[in-house]
Amino acid sequence: MDEVWIKKRHLHLKSANHQQLGQLLPFLPGFLAVSQQDANNWLIEYDVRTLQFGEIANALKPFIPATWMWRWRISLYQYQDENNRDALKHKDNACCNRPPRH
């Protein structure tokens, strides 16, 4: 079973090759792996506690098309990653307006 902080994203990148991605991504803190699923599809794995998708998108800028769909996808993935990171860092506190038990 994967750890909850490991995020896997499937990306469709037409003009990328393994060597190019292998040169850009490993230098990002929190990056774990990249694998090619087929000709244009890639699986990217990273630690959401230290790396969010916006940073990956900046590194992959030459390969990501400048379309509204990709801008929306980047924003959505970044939002999800920030929420996951914040949830993992959140300490358990009282809920439902009840004081914590001592």
C-alpha atoms as a PDB file:
ATOM      1  CA  MET A   1       0.000   0.000   0.000  1.00  0.00           C
ATOM      2  CA  ASP A   2       1.307   3.446  -0.881  1.00  0.00           C
ATOM      3  CA  GLU A   3       1.863   6.062   1.753  1.00  0.00           C
ATOM      4  CA  VAL A   4      -0.763   8.795   1.942  1.00  0.00           C
ATOM      5  CA  TRP A   5       1.764  11.511   1.108  1.00  0.00           C
ATOM      6  CA  ILE A   6       2.812   9.928  -2.189  1.00  0.00           C
ATOM      7  CA  LYS A   7       0.866  11.461  -5.055  1.00  0.00           C
ATOM      8  CA  LYS A   8       0.681   9.838  -8.481  1.00  0.00           C
ATOM      9  CA  ARG A   9      -0.367  11.888 -11.472  1.00  0.00           C
ATOM     10  CA  HIS A  10      -0.980  10.641 -14.999  1.00  0.00           C
ATOM     11  CA  LEU A  11       0.014  13.293 -17.544  1.00  0.00           C
ATOM     12  CA  HIS A  12      -0.418  13.405 -21.299  1.00  0.00           C
ATOM     13  CA  LEU A  13       2.708  15.064 -22.710  1.00  0.00           C
ATOM     14  CA  LYS A  14       3.092  14.720 -26.479  1.00  0.00           C
ATOM     15  CA  SER A  15       6.569  16.092 -27.056  1.00  0.00           C
ATOM     16  CA  ALA A  16       8.425  14.724 -24.019  1.00  0.00           C
ATOM     17  CA  ASN A  17      10.863  11.848 -23.849  1.00  0.00           C
ATOM     18  CA  HIS A  18      12.247   9.969 -20.853  1.00  0.00           C
ATOM     19  CA  GLN A  19      15.689  11.540 -21.068  1.00  0.00           C
ATOM     20  CA  GLN A  20      14.290  15.090 -21.058  1.00  0.00           C
ATOM     21  CA  LEU A  21      11.993  14.443 -18.094  1.00  0.00           C
ATOM     22  CA  GLY A  22      14.790  12.592 -16.320  1.00  0.00           C
ATOM     23  CA  GLN A  23      16.938  15.717 -16.532  1.00  0.00           C
ATOM     24  CA  LEU A  24      14.284  18.160 -15.293  1.00  0.00           C
ATOM     25  CA  LEU A  25      12.377  16.415 -12.528  1.00  0.00           C
ATOM     26  CA  PRO A  26      14.892  14.636 -10.244  1.00  0.00           C
ATOM     27  CA  PHE A  27      16.255  17.977  -9.042  1.00  0.00           C
ATOM     28  CA  LEU A  28      12.919  18.922  -7.471  1.00  0.00           C
ATOM     29  CA  PRO A  29      12.843  18.202  -3.726  1.00  0.00           C
ATOM     30  CA  GLY A  30      10.202  15.569  -3.051  1.00  0.00           C
ATOM     31  CA  PHE A  31      10.244  14.087  -6.548  1.00  0.00           C
ATOM     32  CA  LEU A  32      10.162  10.272  -6.465  1.00  0.00           C
ATOM     33  CA  ALA A  33       9.783   8.747  -9.938  1.00  0.00           C
ATOM     34  CA  VAL A  34       8.694   9.190 -13.529  1.00  0.00           C
ATOM     35  CA  SER A  35       7.703   6.359 -15.826  1.00  0.00           C
ATOM     36  CA  GLN A  36       6.395   6.254 -19.352  1.00  0.00           C
ATOM     37  CA  GLN A  37       3.060   4.451 -19.652  1.00  0.00           C
ATOM     38  CA  ASP A  38       2.876   4.622 -23.459  1.00  0.00           C
ATOM     39  CA  ALA A  39       3.998   6.996 -26.219  1.00  0.00           C
ATOM     40  CA  ASN A  40       2.512  10.178 -24.722  1.00  0.00           C
ATOM     41  CA  ASN A  41       1.391   9.218 -21.210  1.00  0.00           C
ATOM     42  CA  TRP A  42       3.548   9.540 -18.129  1.00  0.00           C
ATOM     43  CA  LEU A  43       3.160   8.612 -14.466  1.00  0.00           C
ATOM     44  CA  ILE A  44       4.814  11.054 -12.080  1.00  0.00           C
ATOM     45  CA  GLU A  45       5.173  10.258  -8.377  1.00  0.00           C
ATOM     46  CA  TYR A  46       6.089  12.811  -5.727  1.00  0.00           C
ATOM     47  CA  ASP A  47       5.910  13.561  -2.018  1.00  0.00           C
ATOM     48  CA  VAL A  48       3.065  16.029  -1.530  1.00  0.00           C
ATOM     49  CA  ARG A  49       4.540  17.171   1.799  1.00  0.00           C
ATOM     50  CA  THR A  50       7.450  18.888   0.043  1.00  0.00           C
ATOM     51  CA  LEU A  51       6.439  19.222  -3.616  1.00  0.00           C
ATOM     52  CA  GLN A  52       3.207  20.447  -5.158  1.00  0.00           C
ATOM     53  CA  PHE A  53       2.080  20.185  -8.748  1.00  0.00           C
ATOM     54  CA  GLY A  54       2.652  23.872  -9.529  1.00  0.00           C
ATOM     55  CA  GLU A  55       6.406  23.343  -9.158  1.00  0.00           C
ATOM     56  CA  ILE A  56       6.268  20.279 -11.400  1.00  0.00           C
ATOM     57  CA  ALA A  57       4.280  22.246 -13.994  1.00  0.00           C
ATOM     58  CA  ASN A  58       6.925  24.985 -13.949  1.00  0.00           C
ATOM     59  CA  ALA A  59       9.652  22.403 -14.586  1.00  0.00           C
ATOM     60  CA  LEU A  60       7.598  20.829 -17.386  1.00  0.00           C
ATOM     61  CA  LYS A  61       6.648  24.155 -18.979  1.00  0.00           C
ATOM     62  CA  PRO A  62       8.282  23.333 -22.363  1.00  0.00           C
ATOM     63  CA  PHE A  63       6.128  20.189 -22.644  1.00  0.00           C
ATOM     64  CA  ILE A  64       2.775  21.481 -21.362  1.00  0.00           C
ATOM     65  CA  PRO A  65       0.502  23.070 -23.966  1.00  0.00           C
ATOM     66  CA  ALA A  66      -0.621  26.641 -23.220  1.00  0.00           C
ATOM     67  CA  THR A  67      -4.345  25.846 -23.299  1.00  0.00           C
ATOM     68  CA  TRP A  68      -7.085  26.795 -20.858  1.00  0.00           C
ATOM     69  CA  MET A  69      -7.628  23.115 -20.049  1.00  0.00           C
ATOM     70  CA  TRP A  70      -4.036  22.678 -18.912  1.00  0.00           C
ATOM     71  CA  ARG A  71      -4.142  25.922 -16.895  1.00  0.00           C
ATOM     72  CA  TRP A  72      -7.306  24.664 -15.198  1.00  0.00           C
ATOM     73  CA  ARG A  73      -5.729  21.236 -14.561  1.00  0.00           C
ATOM     74  CA  ILE A  74      -2.593  22.790 -13.062  1.00  0.00           C
ATOM     75  CA  SER A  75      -4.711  24.958 -10.754  1.00  0.00           C
ATOM     76  CA  LEU A  76      -6.844  21.997  -9.692  1.00  0.00           C
ATOM     77  CA  TYR A  77      -3.860  19.715  -9.006  1.00  0.00           C
ATOM     78  CA  GLN A  78      -2.075  22.486  -7.100  1.00  0.00           C
ATOM     79  CA  TYR A  79      -5.184  23.079  -4.973  1.00  0.00           C
ATOM     80  CA  GLN A  80      -5.512  19.350  -4.227  1.00  0.00           C
ATOM     81  CA  ASP A  81      -1.832  19.051  -3.326  1.00  0.00           C
ATOM     82  CA  GLU A  82      -1.957  22.033  -0.977  1.00  0.00           C
ATOM     83  CA  ASN A  83      -5.038  20.604   0.742  1.00  0.00           C
ATOM     84  CA  ASN A  84      -3.384  17.186   1.103  1.00  0.00           C
ATOM     85  CA  ARG A  85      -0.196  18.756   2.483  1.00  0.00           C
ATOM     86  CA  ASP A  86      -2.156  20.870   4.985  1.00  0.00           C
ATOM     87  CA  ALA A  87      -4.265  17.890   6.080  1.00  0.00           C
ATOM     88  CA  LEU A  88      -1.138  15.803   6.671  1.00  0.00           C
ATOM     89  CA  LYS A  89       0.421  18.565   8.781  1.00  0.00           C
ATOM     90  CA  HIS A  90      -2.777  19.200  10.751  1.00  0.00           C
ATOM     91  CA  LYS A  91      -2.747  18.046  14.343  1.00  0.00           C
ATOM     92  CA  ASP A  92      -5.860  16.351  15.708  1.00  0.00           C
ATOM     93  CA  ASN A  93      -7.887  18.773  17.787  1.00  0.00           C
ATOM     94  CA  ALA A  94     -11.303  18.771  19.281  1.00  0.00           C
ATOM     95  CA  CYS A  95     -14.223  18.622  16.888  1.00  0.00           C
ATOM     96  CA  CYS A  96     -17.916  19.410  17.082  1.00  0.00           C
ATOM     97  CA  ASN A  97     -17.353  22.272  19.557  1.00  0.00           C
ATOM     98  CA  ARG A  98     -16.325  19.866  22.288  1.00  0.00           C
ATOM     99  CA  PRO A  99     -13.269  20.636  24.373  1.00  0.00           C
ATOM    100  CA  PRO A 100     -10.354  18.233  24.021  1.00  0.00           C
ATOM    101  CA  ARG A 101     -10.053  15.407  26.520  1.00  0.00           C
ATOM    102  CA  HIS A 102      -7.168  15.513  28.973  1.00  0.00           C
END
